[in-house]
Amino acid sequence: MADRFRKEDPEILRPKTWFEFEQRDQEAKTRSKELEVETREAKIEQQNRLLQEQIHESRRRRAIATTLLVVFIITIIFTAGIILLSGFRIGGFVIETSTINLLIGATIGEIVTIFTATLRGVFSCKDETPQE
């Protein structure tokens, strides 16, 4: 077993040639360029992910704004319908003037509040651009 680990010939290190040094330098430069490309690719993937999130958020905000616009229109039509029914006394529908005034005020307040909240939510500016 000891014979297996014994060296028969002494190991001699040969001097490296200029070509081997140049080859090693080229390999180091190539690896450096590869790392640079990988870093750029990672940045591009991160920016792409951020843009996809922004697109998704924009679509979600648009859907919310559209839904609230429909709710605004329905609320206004409903209030106007009640006012017209009471004003022309269609089908014996009569509401006191103070109740109608309260209904109109509440509708206007509701619309202004929801509209303001929607505008703040949809048009809020957050600086989420990636820094280089």
N, C-alpha and C. Protein backbone atom coordinates (compact mmCIF):
# COMPACT_ATOMS: atom_id res chain seq x y z
N MET A 1 0.81 -1.18 0.00
CA MET A 1 0.00 0.00 0.00
C MET A 1 0.86 1.25 0.00
N ALA A 2 1.97 1.19 0.65
CA ALA A 2 2.87 2.35 0.70
C ALA A 2 3.48 2.60 -0.66
N ASP A 3 3.63 1.55 -1.47
CA ASP A 3 4.21 1.72 -2.81
C ASP A 3 3.29 2.54 -3.71
N ARG A 4 2.04 2.49 -3.43
CA ARG A 4 1.09 3.20 -4.27
C ARG A 4 1.23 4.72 -4.15
N PHE A 5 1.65 5.19 -3.02
CA PHE A 5 1.75 6.62 -2.79
C PHE A 5 3.16 7.15 -3.06
N ARG A 6 4.06 6.31 -3.33
CA ARG A 6 5.43 6.75 -3.59
C ARG A 6 5.57 7.19 -5.04
N LYS A 7 6.24 8.32 -5.21
CA LYS A 7 6.44 8.83 -6.57
C LYS A 7 7.69 8.20 -7.17
N GLU A 8 7.55 7.88 -8.42
CA GLU A 8 8.71 7.28 -9.08
C GLU A 8 9.61 8.35 -9.66
N ASP A 9 9.01 9.36 -10.24
CA ASP A 9 9.81 10.43 -10.84
C ASP A 9 9.50 11.73 -10.12
N PRO A 10 10.50 12.55 -9.91
CA PRO A 10 10.22 13.84 -9.29
C PRO A 10 9.42 14.71 -10.26
N GLU A 11 8.50 15.45 -9.70
CA GLU A 11 7.65 16.30 -10.53
C GLU A 11 8.39 17.61 -10.78
N ILE A 12 8.47 17.96 -12.01
CA ILE A 12 9.17 19.19 -12.38
C ILE A 12 8.15 20.15 -12.97
N LEU A 13 8.10 21.36 -12.41
CA LEU A 13 7.21 22.38 -12.94
C LEU A 13 7.88 23.04 -14.11
N ARG A 14 7.22 23.05 -15.18
CA ARG A 14 7.81 23.68 -16.35
C ARG A 14 7.41 25.15 -16.37
N PRO A 15 8.20 26.01 -16.87
CA PRO A 15 7.86 27.44 -16.92
C PRO A 15 6.72 27.67 -17.91
N LYS A 16 5.88 28.61 -17.56
CA LYS A 16 4.75 28.91 -18.44
C LYS A 16 5.22 29.80 -19.57
N THR A 17 4.60 29.58 -20.70
CA THR A 17 4.96 30.36 -21.88
C THR A 17 4.12 31.62 -21.94
N TRP A 18 4.55 32.53 -22.79
CA TRP A 18 3.81 33.79 -22.99
C TRP A 18 2.40 33.50 -23.45
N PHE A 19 2.24 32.50 -24.30
CA PHE A 19 0.93 32.15 -24.82
C PHE A 19 -0.01 31.71 -23.70
N GLU A 20 0.46 30.95 -22.73
CA GLU A 20 -0.38 30.50 -21.63
C GLU A 20 -0.82 31.67 -20.76
N PHE A 21 0.12 32.62 -20.53
CA PHE A 21 -0.27 33.81 -19.78
C PHE A 21 -1.31 34.63 -20.53
N GLU A 22 -1.12 34.77 -21.82
CA GLU A 22 -2.07 35.53 -22.64
C GLU A 22 -3.42 34.83 -22.68
N GLN A 23 -3.41 33.52 -22.77
CA GLN A 23 -4.65 32.75 -22.78
C GLN A 23 -5.39 32.93 -21.45
N ARG A 24 -4.66 32.89 -20.33
CA ARG A 24 -5.28 33.09 -19.03
C ARG A 24 -5.87 34.49 -18.90
N ASP A 25 -5.17 35.49 -19.42
CA ASP A 25 -5.69 36.86 -19.40
C ASP A 25 -6.96 36.99 -20.24
N GLN A 26 -6.97 36.35 -21.40
CA GLN A 26 -8.15 36.38 -22.26
C GLN A 26 -9.34 35.69 -21.59
N GLU A 27 -9.08 34.57 -20.90
CA GLU A 27 -10.15 33.88 -20.20
C GLU A 27 -10.71 34.74 -19.07
N ALA A 28 -9.83 35.47 -18.38
CA ALA A 28 -10.29 36.36 -17.31
C ALA A 28 -11.12 37.50 -17.89
N LYS A 29 -10.70 38.06 -19.00
CA LYS A 29 -11.46 39.13 -19.65
C LYS A 29 -12.82 38.61 -20.12
N THR A 30 -12.82 37.41 -20.68
CA THR A 30 -14.07 36.82 -21.16
C THR A 30 -15.03 36.60 -19.99
N ARG A 31 -14.53 36.08 -18.89
CA ARG A 31 -15.38 35.86 -17.71
C ARG A 31 -15.90 37.19 -17.17
N SER A 32 -15.06 38.21 -17.20
CA SER A 32 -15.48 39.54 -16.74
C SER A 32 -16.62 40.06 -17.61
N LYS A 33 -16.50 39.90 -18.92
CA LYS A 33 -17.56 40.32 -19.83
C LYS A 33 -18.82 39.51 -19.60
N GLU A 34 -18.69 38.21 -19.35
CA GLU A 34 -19.85 37.37 -19.08
C GLU A 34 -20.58 37.83 -17.82
N LEU A 35 -19.81 38.16 -16.78
CA LEU A 35 -20.42 38.66 -15.55
C LEU A 35 -21.13 39.99 -15.79
N GLU A 36 -20.54 40.83 -16.62
CA GLU A 36 -21.17 42.12 -16.94
C GLU A 36 -22.48 41.90 -17.68
N VAL A 37 -22.49 40.97 -18.62
CA VAL A 37 -23.71 40.67 -19.37
C VAL A 37 -24.78 40.08 -18.44
N GLU A 38 -24.37 39.18 -17.53
CA GLU A 38 -25.32 38.61 -16.59
C GLU A 38 -25.92 39.68 -15.68
N THR A 39 -25.09 40.64 -15.26
CA THR A 39 -25.58 41.74 -14.43
C THR A 39 -26.59 42.59 -15.19
N ARG A 40 -26.28 42.89 -16.44
CA ARG A 40 -27.22 43.66 -17.27
C ARG A 40 -28.53 42.90 -17.46
N GLU A 41 -28.43 41.59 -17.71
CA GLU A 41 -29.64 40.78 -17.89
C GLU A 41 -30.49 40.79 -16.62
N ALA A 42 -29.84 40.71 -15.46
CA ALA A 42 -30.58 40.73 -14.20
C ALA A 42 -31.29 42.08 -14.02
N LYS A 43 -30.62 43.17 -14.37
CA LYS A 43 -31.25 44.49 -14.28
C LYS A 43 -32.43 44.61 -15.23
N ILE A 44 -32.27 44.09 -16.43
CA ILE A 44 -33.35 44.15 -17.42
C ILE A 44 -34.54 43.31 -16.95
N GLU A 45 -34.28 42.14 -16.37
CA GLU A 45 -35.37 41.31 -15.85
C GLU A 45 -36.09 42.01 -14.71
N GLN A 46 -35.33 42.68 -13.83
CA GLN A 46 -35.94 43.41 -12.73
C GLN A 46 -36.81 44.56 -13.26
N GLN A 47 -36.31 45.30 -14.25
CA GLN A 47 -37.08 46.38 -14.84
C GLN A 47 -38.33 45.85 -15.53
N ASN A 48 -38.20 44.71 -16.21
CA ASN A 48 -39.35 44.11 -16.89
C ASN A 48 -40.41 43.70 -15.87
N ARG A 49 -39.98 43.11 -14.76
CA ARG A 49 -40.91 42.72 -13.71
C ARG A 49 -41.62 43.95 -13.13
N LEU A 50 -40.86 45.03 -12.91
CA LEU A 50 -41.45 46.26 -12.38
C LEU A 50 -42.46 46.84 -13.37
N LEU A 51 -42.14 46.83 -14.65
CA LEU A 51 -43.07 47.34 -15.66
C LEU A 51 -44.34 46.50 -15.73
N GLN A 52 -44.20 45.18 -15.62
CA GLN A 52 -45.36 44.31 -15.63
C GLN A 52 -46.27 44.60 -14.43
N GLU A 53 -45.64 44.84 -13.27
CA GLU A 53 -46.43 45.18 -12.08
C GLU A 53 -47.15 46.51 -12.28
N GLN A 54 -46.47 47.48 -12.89
CA GLN A 54 -47.09 48.79 -13.13
C GLN A 54 -48.24 48.67 -14.11
N ILE A 55 -48.09 47.84 -15.14
CA ILE A 55 -49.17 47.63 -16.11
C ILE A 55 -50.36 46.99 -15.42
N HIS A 56 -50.10 45.98 -14.57
CA HIS A 56 -51.19 45.32 -13.84
C HIS A 56 -51.89 46.32 -12.93
N GLU A 57 -51.12 47.13 -12.23
CA GLU A 57 -51.71 48.14 -11.33
C GLU A 57 -52.53 49.16 -12.11
N SER A 58 -52.05 49.55 -13.27
CA SER A 58 -52.78 50.51 -14.11
C SER A 58 -54.12 49.93 -14.57
N ARG A 59 -54.11 48.67 -14.98
CA ARG A 59 -55.35 48.02 -15.41
C ARG A 59 -56.34 47.90 -14.25
N ARG A 60 -55.82 47.58 -13.07
CA ARG A 60 -56.68 47.46 -11.89
C ARG A 60 -57.30 48.81 -11.55
N ARG A 61 -56.50 49.87 -11.61
CA ARG A 61 -57.02 51.21 -11.32
C ARG A 61 -58.06 51.64 -12.35
N ARG A 62 -57.83 51.28 -13.60
CA ARG A 62 -58.80 51.62 -14.64
C ARG A 62 -60.11 50.91 -14.41
N ALA A 63 -60.05 49.64 -14.00
CA ALA A 63 -61.26 48.89 -13.71
C ALA A 63 -62.02 49.49 -12.52
N ILE A 64 -61.28 49.91 -11.51
CA ILE A 64 -61.93 50.54 -10.35
C ILE A 64 -62.59 51.85 -10.76
N ALA A 65 -61.88 52.66 -11.54
CA ALA A 65 -62.44 53.94 -11.98
C ALA A 65 -63.69 53.74 -12.83
N THR A 66 -63.66 52.74 -13.71
CA THR A 66 -64.83 52.46 -14.55
C THR A 66 -66.02 52.01 -13.70
N THR A 67 -65.76 51.14 -12.74
CA THR A 67 -66.83 50.66 -11.86
C THR A 67 -67.44 51.82 -11.08
N LEU A 68 -66.59 52.68 -10.53
CA LEU A 68 -67.11 53.81 -9.76
C LEU A 68 -67.87 54.79 -10.64
N LEU A 69 -67.44 54.96 -11.88
CA LEU A 69 -68.17 55.83 -12.80
C LEU A 69 -69.58 55.28 -13.03
N VAL A 70 -69.69 53.98 -13.21
CA VAL A 70 -71.01 53.36 -13.38
C VAL A 70 -71.85 53.55 -12.12
N VAL A 71 -71.23 53.40 -10.95
CA VAL A 71 -71.97 53.60 -9.69
C VAL A 71 -72.44 55.04 -9.58
N PHE A 72 -71.59 56.01 -9.97
CA PHE A 72 -71.99 57.42 -9.95
C PHE A 72 -73.22 57.65 -10.81
N ILE A 73 -73.18 57.12 -12.02
CA ILE A 73 -74.29 57.31 -12.95
C ILE A 73 -75.57 56.68 -12.41
N ILE A 74 -75.48 55.47 -11.86
CA ILE A 74 -76.66 54.81 -11.31
C ILE A 74 -77.22 55.60 -10.13
N THR A 75 -76.33 56.11 -9.29
CA THR A 75 -76.78 56.90 -8.13
C THR A 75 -77.50 58.16 -8.58
N ILE A 76 -76.96 58.84 -9.56
CA ILE A 76 -77.59 60.07 -10.06
C ILE A 76 -78.94 59.77 -10.70
N ILE A 77 -79.01 58.71 -11.50
CA ILE A 77 -80.27 58.33 -12.15
C ILE A 77 -81.31 57.95 -11.10
N PHE A 78 -80.91 57.19 -10.08
CA PHE A 78 -81.83 56.78 -9.03
C PHE A 78 -82.37 58.01 -8.28
N THR A 79 -81.48 58.94 -7.92
CA THR A 79 -81.90 60.14 -7.21
C THR A 79 -82.83 60.99 -8.08
N ALA A 80 -82.45 61.15 -9.35
CA ALA A 80 -83.30 61.93 -10.26
C ALA A 80 -84.66 61.26 -10.44
N GLY A 81 -84.69 59.94 -10.49
CA GLY A 81 -85.95 59.21 -10.61
C GLY A 81 -86.85 59.44 -9.41
N ILE A 82 -86.28 59.39 -8.23
CA ILE A 82 -87.08 59.64 -7.03
C ILE A 82 -87.61 61.06 -7.02
N ILE A 83 -86.76 62.02 -7.40
CA ILE A 83 -87.19 63.42 -7.44
C ILE A 83 -88.32 63.62 -8.45
N LEU A 84 -88.20 63.02 -9.63
CA LEU A 84 -89.24 63.14 -10.65
C LEU A 84 -90.53 62.45 -10.21
N LEU A 85 -90.43 61.25 -9.63
CA LEU A 85 -91.63 60.56 -9.15
C LEU A 85 -92.37 61.39 -8.11
N SER A 86 -91.61 61.99 -7.20
CA SER A 86 -92.23 62.79 -6.15
C SER A 86 -92.74 64.12 -6.69
N GLY A 87 -92.00 64.71 -7.62
CA GLY A 87 -92.38 66.01 -8.17
C GLY A 87 -93.65 65.96 -8.98
N PHE A 88 -93.79 64.92 -9.80
CA PHE A 88 -94.98 64.80 -10.64
C PHE A 88 -96.06 63.93 -9.99
N ARG A 89 -95.78 63.43 -8.81
CA ARG A 89 -96.72 62.59 -8.05
C ARG A 89 -97.22 61.41 -8.89
N ILE A 90 -96.29 60.73 -9.50
CA ILE A 90 -96.62 59.58 -10.34
C ILE A 90 -96.94 58.40 -9.42
N GLY A 91 -98.10 57.84 -9.61
CA GLY A 91 -98.52 56.69 -8.81
C GLY A 91 -98.74 57.03 -7.35
N GLY A 92 -98.98 58.27 -7.04
CA GLY A 92 -99.24 58.66 -5.66
C GLY A 92 -97.97 58.72 -4.83
N PHE A 93 -96.82 58.78 -5.48
CA PHE A 93 -95.53 58.82 -4.79
C PHE A 93 -95.25 60.24 -4.32
N VAL A 94 -95.26 60.47 -3.02
CA VAL A 94 -95.04 61.80 -2.47
C VAL A 94 -94.03 61.70 -1.32
N ILE A 95 -93.00 62.52 -1.39
CA ILE A 95 -91.99 62.60 -0.33
C ILE A 95 -91.89 64.05 0.09
N GLU A 96 -91.68 64.30 1.37
CA GLU A 96 -91.56 65.67 1.86
C GLU A 96 -90.34 66.35 1.24
N THR A 97 -90.42 67.65 1.14
CA THR A 97 -89.36 68.45 0.53
C THR A 97 -88.05 68.32 1.32
N SER A 98 -88.13 68.30 2.63
CA SER A 98 -86.91 68.18 3.44
C SER A 98 -86.20 66.84 3.20
N THR A 99 -86.99 65.79 2.99
CA THR A 99 -86.41 64.47 2.70
C THR A 99 -85.73 64.47 1.34
N ILE A 100 -86.36 65.11 0.36
CA ILE A 100 -85.76 65.19 -0.98
C ILE A 100 -84.47 66.02 -0.93
N ASN A 101 -84.50 67.13 -0.18
CA ASN A 101 -83.28 67.94 -0.03
C ASN A 101 -82.17 67.14 0.63
N LEU A 102 -82.52 66.36 1.63
CA LEU A 102 -81.54 65.50 2.30
C LEU A 102 -80.98 64.46 1.33
N LEU A 103 -81.84 63.87 0.52
CA LEU A 103 -81.43 62.88 -0.47
C LEU A 103 -80.48 63.50 -1.49
N ILE A 104 -80.81 64.69 -1.97
CA ILE A 104 -79.94 65.37 -2.94
C ILE A 104 -78.59 65.70 -2.32
N GLY A 105 -78.60 66.23 -1.10
CA GLY A 105 -77.35 66.57 -0.42
C GLY A 105 -76.48 65.35 -0.17
N ALA A 106 -77.11 64.26 0.27
CA ALA A 106 -76.36 63.03 0.53
C ALA A 106 -75.78 62.46 -0.76
N THR A 107 -76.53 62.53 -1.83
CA THR A 107 -76.03 62.02 -3.13
C THR A 107 -74.84 62.84 -3.60
N ILE A 108 -74.96 64.16 -3.50
CA ILE A 108 -73.84 65.02 -3.93
C ILE A 108 -72.62 64.77 -3.05
N GLY A 109 -72.83 64.67 -1.74
CA GLY A 109 -71.71 64.40 -0.83
C GLY A 109 -71.04 63.07 -1.11
N GLU A 110 -71.87 62.05 -1.37
CA GLU A 110 -71.34 60.72 -1.67
C GLU A 110 -70.52 60.73 -2.96
N ILE A 111 -71.06 61.37 -3.97
CA ILE A 111 -70.38 61.41 -5.26
C ILE A 111 -69.05 62.17 -5.14
N VAL A 112 -69.07 63.31 -4.47
CA VAL A 112 -67.84 64.10 -4.32
C VAL A 112 -66.79 63.32 -3.52
N THR A 113 -67.20 62.67 -2.45
CA THR A 113 -66.26 61.92 -1.62
C THR A 113 -65.65 60.75 -2.38
N ILE A 114 -66.49 59.96 -3.02
CA ILE A 114 -65.98 58.80 -3.75
C ILE A 114 -65.15 59.25 -4.95
N PHE A 115 -65.59 60.31 -5.62
CA PHE A 115 -64.85 60.82 -6.77
C PHE A 115 -63.47 61.32 -6.34
N THR A 116 -63.40 62.03 -5.23
CA THR A 116 -62.11 62.52 -4.72
C THR A 116 -61.19 61.36 -4.34
N ALA A 117 -61.73 60.38 -3.65
CA ALA A 117 -60.94 59.21 -3.26
C ALA A 117 -60.44 58.46 -4.50
N THR A 118 -61.29 58.36 -5.50
CA THR A 118 -60.89 57.68 -6.73
C THR A 118 -59.77 58.43 -7.43
N LEU A 119 -59.91 59.73 -7.54
CA LEU A 119 -58.87 60.51 -8.20
C LEU A 119 -57.54 60.42 -7.46
N ARG A 120 -57.59 60.48 -6.14
CA ARG A 120 -56.35 60.36 -5.37
C ARG A 120 -55.73 58.99 -5.55
N GLY A 121 -56.54 57.96 -5.59
CA GLY A 121 -56.02 56.61 -5.75
C GLY A 121 -55.50 56.33 -7.15
N VAL A 122 -56.21 56.81 -8.15
CA VAL A 122 -55.82 56.51 -9.53
C VAL A 122 -54.64 57.36 -9.98
N PHE A 123 -54.63 58.61 -9.58
CA PHE A 123 -53.60 59.52 -10.07
C PHE A 123 -52.51 59.80 -9.06
N SER A 124 -52.39 58.95 -8.04
CA SER A 124 -51.30 59.16 -7.09
C SER A 124 -49.99 58.85 -7.78
N CYS A 125 -48.99 59.66 -7.52
CA CYS A 125 -47.69 59.50 -8.17
C CYS A 125 -46.70 58.96 -7.16
N LYS A 126 -46.27 57.74 -7.38
CA LYS A 126 -45.21 57.16 -6.57
C LYS A 126 -44.03 56.96 -7.50
N ASP A 127 -42.87 57.43 -7.07
CA ASP A 127 -41.68 57.30 -7.89
C ASP A 127 -41.10 55.91 -7.67
N GLU A 128 -41.49 54.97 -8.55
CA GLU A 128 -41.04 53.59 -8.44
C GLU A 128 -40.10 53.22 -9.58
N THR A 129 -39.49 54.21 -10.20
CA THR A 129 -38.58 53.90 -11.29
C THR A 129 -37.29 53.37 -10.72
N PRO A 130 -36.72 52.36 -11.35
CA PRO A 130 -35.49 51.77 -10.83
C PRO A 130 -34.31 52.73 -10.99
N GLN A 131 -33.49 52.78 -9.98
CA GLN A 131 -32.30 53.64 -10.01
C GLN A 131 -31.13 52.81 -10.52
N GLU A 132 -30.33 53.40 -11.37
CA GLU A 132 -29.16 52.69 -11.90
C GLU A 132 -27.92 53.10 -11.17
